[in-house]
Amino acid sequence: MNLRPLHDRVLVKRLEGAETTASGLFIPDSAKEKPQQGTIVAAGDGRLLKNGQRIALDVHAGDRILFGKYSGSEVTVAGEELIILREDEILAVLG
């Protein structure tokens, strides 16, 4: 894939949701919620300040993150569903 986010944006692949509940019940596709976790596929260069200085991002490609339910813009690239988020829409980095 040849897609590079600009400035303080990151490209995220959403993690797959659970197929069953903890008690073993099957969850149909219509009842599943989209997971709020993902893996960063690509990251931009950083935020550009008014004076021309660039501040590097705190996250990098390969980091697992948590993001808000309605954050970002969903895009489809080469048949793969991805999300473009701003760095400030990321809630946490999972260790």
C-alpha atoms as a PDB file:
ATOM      1  CA  MET A   1       0.000   0.000   0.000  1.00  0.00           C
ATOM      2  CA  ASN A   2       1.364   3.389  -0.942  1.00  0.00           C
ATOM      3  CA  LEU A   3      -0.567   5.776   1.296  1.00  0.00           C
ATOM      4  CA  ARG A   4       1.175   8.273   3.591  1.00  0.00           C
ATOM      5  CA  PRO A   5      -0.832  10.459   5.990  1.00  0.00           C
ATOM      6  CA  LEU A   6       0.073  14.134   6.157  1.00  0.00           C
ATOM      7  CA  HIS A   7       1.224  16.216   9.146  1.00  0.00           C
ATOM      8  CA  ASP A   8      -0.241  14.986  12.478  1.00  0.00           C
ATOM      9  CA  ARG A   9      -2.451  12.252  11.039  1.00  0.00           C
ATOM     10  CA  VAL A  10      -2.089   8.474  11.345  1.00  0.00           C
ATOM     11  CA  LEU A  11      -3.495   5.601   9.300  1.00  0.00           C
ATOM     12  CA  VAL A  12      -5.048   2.892  11.490  1.00  0.00           C
ATOM     13  CA  LYS A  13      -6.245  -0.640  10.788  1.00  0.00           C
ATOM     14  CA  ARG A  14      -9.093  -1.478  13.144  1.00  0.00           C
ATOM     15  CA  LEU A  15      -8.701  -4.716  15.137  1.00  0.00           C
ATOM     16  CA  GLU A  16     -11.284  -7.442  14.529  1.00  0.00           C
ATOM     17  CA  GLY A  17     -14.223  -7.639  16.935  1.00  0.00           C
ATOM     18  CA  ALA A  18     -15.047 -10.713  18.981  1.00  0.00           C
ATOM     19  CA  GLU A  19     -17.159 -13.395  17.300  1.00  0.00           C
ATOM     20  CA  THR A  20     -18.562 -14.738  20.586  1.00  0.00           C
ATOM     21  CA  THR A  21     -19.332 -13.422  24.048  1.00  0.00           C
ATOM     22  CA  ALA A  22     -17.424 -14.479  27.156  1.00  0.00           C
ATOM     23  CA  SER A  23     -20.115 -17.104  27.831  1.00  0.00           C
ATOM     24  CA  GLY A  24     -19.760 -18.539  24.297  1.00  0.00           C
ATOM     25  CA  LEU A  25     -22.801 -17.031  22.557  1.00  0.00           C
ATOM     26  CA  PHE A  26     -22.347 -16.188  18.860  1.00  0.00           C
ATOM     27  CA  ILE A  27     -22.651 -12.473  17.970  1.00  0.00           C
ATOM     28  CA  PRO A  28     -24.201 -11.813  14.523  1.00  0.00           C
ATOM     29  CA  ASP A  29     -22.646  -9.127  12.287  1.00  0.00           C
ATOM     30  CA  SER A  30     -25.689  -6.860  12.677  1.00  0.00           C
ATOM     31  CA  ALA A  31     -25.238  -6.733  16.480  1.00  0.00           C
ATOM     32  CA  LYS A  32     -21.462  -6.228  16.568  1.00  0.00           C
ATOM     33  CA  GLU A  33     -20.005  -2.905  17.583  1.00  0.00           C
ATOM     34  CA  LYS A  34     -16.908  -1.701  15.789  1.00  0.00           C
ATOM     35  CA  PRO A  35     -13.846  -2.088  18.001  1.00  0.00           C
ATOM     36  CA  GLN A  36     -12.167   1.059  19.278  1.00  0.00           C
ATOM     37  CA  GLN A  37      -8.696  -0.477  19.084  1.00  0.00           C
ATOM     38  CA  GLY A  38      -6.366  -0.553  16.145  1.00  0.00           C
ATOM     39  CA  THR A  39      -2.818  -0.792  14.898  1.00  0.00           C
ATOM     40  CA  ILE A  40      -1.081   2.171  13.296  1.00  0.00           C
ATOM     41  CA  VAL A  41      -0.117   1.310   9.718  1.00  0.00           C
ATOM     42  CA  ALA A  42       1.528   4.642   8.829  1.00  0.00           C
ATOM     43  CA  ALA A  43       2.118   8.003  10.519  1.00  0.00           C
ATOM     44  CA  GLY A  44       2.693  11.520   9.225  1.00  0.00           C
ATOM     45  CA  ASP A  45       5.757  13.684   9.805  1.00  0.00           C
ATOM     46  CA  GLY A  46       4.303  15.655  12.726  1.00  0.00           C
ATOM     47  CA  ARG A  47       2.411  18.817  13.523  1.00  0.00           C
ATOM     48  CA  LEU A  48       3.617  21.982  11.801  1.00  0.00           C
ATOM     49  CA  LEU A  49       3.710  25.116  13.969  1.00  0.00           C
ATOM     50  CA  LYS A  50       3.132  28.667  12.696  1.00  0.00           C
ATOM     51  CA  ASN A  51       6.851  29.437  12.900  1.00  0.00           C
ATOM     52  CA  GLY A  52       7.649  26.507  10.563  1.00  0.00           C
ATOM     53  CA  GLN A  53       8.947  24.169  13.252  1.00  0.00           C
ATOM     54  CA  ARG A  54       7.702  20.573  13.162  1.00  0.00           C
ATOM     55  CA  ILE A  55       6.781  18.620  16.319  1.00  0.00           C
ATOM     56  CA  ALA A  56       7.207  14.841  15.926  1.00  0.00           C
ATOM     57  CA  LEU A  57       4.325  12.485  16.749  1.00  0.00           C
ATOM     58  CA  ASP A  58       4.291  10.487  19.999  1.00  0.00           C
ATOM     59  CA  VAL A  59       3.042   7.370  18.160  1.00  0.00           C
ATOM     60  CA  HIS A  60       4.700   5.283  15.463  1.00  0.00           C
ATOM     61  CA  ALA A  61       3.760   2.603  12.936  1.00  0.00           C
ATOM     62  CA  GLY A  62       3.082  -0.690  14.702  1.00  0.00           C
ATOM     63  CA  ASP A  63       1.695   0.838  17.939  1.00  0.00           C
ATOM     64  CA  ARG A  64      -1.647  -0.521  19.217  1.00  0.00           C
ATOM     65  CA  ILE A  65      -3.952   2.351  20.144  1.00  0.00           C
ATOM     66  CA  LEU A  66      -7.366   3.176  21.586  1.00  0.00           C
ATOM     67  CA  PHE A  67      -9.473   5.820  19.847  1.00  0.00           C
ATOM     68  CA  GLY A  68     -12.932   7.324  20.255  1.00  0.00           C
ATOM     69  CA  LYS A  69     -16.014   5.616  18.851  1.00  0.00           C
ATOM     70  CA  TYR A  70     -16.777   8.329  16.297  1.00  0.00           C
ATOM     71  CA  SER A  71     -13.204   9.537  15.677  1.00  0.00           C
ATOM     72  CA  GLY A  72     -11.505   9.831  12.323  1.00  0.00           C
ATOM     73  CA  SER A  73     -12.528   9.243   8.737  1.00  0.00           C
ATOM     74  CA  GLU A  74     -13.042   5.768   7.357  1.00  0.00           C
ATOM     75  CA  VAL A  75     -11.435   5.049   3.979  1.00  0.00           C
ATOM     76  CA  THR A  76     -11.080   1.939   1.822  1.00  0.00           C
ATOM     77  CA  VAL A  77      -7.720   1.382   0.133  1.00  0.00           C
ATOM     78  CA  ALA A  78      -7.055  -1.707  -1.987  1.00  0.00           C
ATOM     79  CA  GLY A  79     -10.121  -3.407  -0.490  1.00  0.00           C
ATOM     80  CA  GLU A  80      -8.952  -2.810   3.090  1.00  0.00           C
ATOM     81  CA  GLU A  81     -10.945  -0.640   5.513  1.00  0.00           C
ATOM     82  CA  LEU A  82      -8.728   1.885   7.321  1.00  0.00           C
ATOM     83  CA  ILE A  83      -9.227   4.971   9.486  1.00  0.00           C
ATOM     84  CA  ILE A  84      -7.387   8.279   9.245  1.00  0.00           C
ATOM     85  CA  LEU A  85      -7.090   9.935  12.672  1.00  0.00           C
ATOM     86  CA  ARG A  86      -5.457  13.077  13.981  1.00  0.00           C
ATOM     87  CA  GLU A  87      -2.945  12.475  16.759  1.00  0.00           C
ATOM     88  CA  ASP A  88      -5.159  14.308  19.272  1.00  0.00           C
ATOM     89  CA  GLU A  89      -8.022  11.832  18.575  1.00  0.00           C
ATOM     90  CA  ILE A  90      -5.907   8.970  19.954  1.00  0.00           C
ATOM     91  CA  LEU A  91      -6.892   8.230  23.548  1.00  0.00           C
ATOM     92  CA  ALA A  92      -4.104   5.849  24.595  1.00  0.00           C
ATOM     93  CA  VAL A  93      -1.291   3.607  23.413  1.00  0.00           C
ATOM     94  CA  LEU A  94      -1.677  -0.009  24.521  1.00  0.00           C
ATOM     95  CA  GLY A  95       1.499  -1.561  25.925  1.00  0.00           C
END
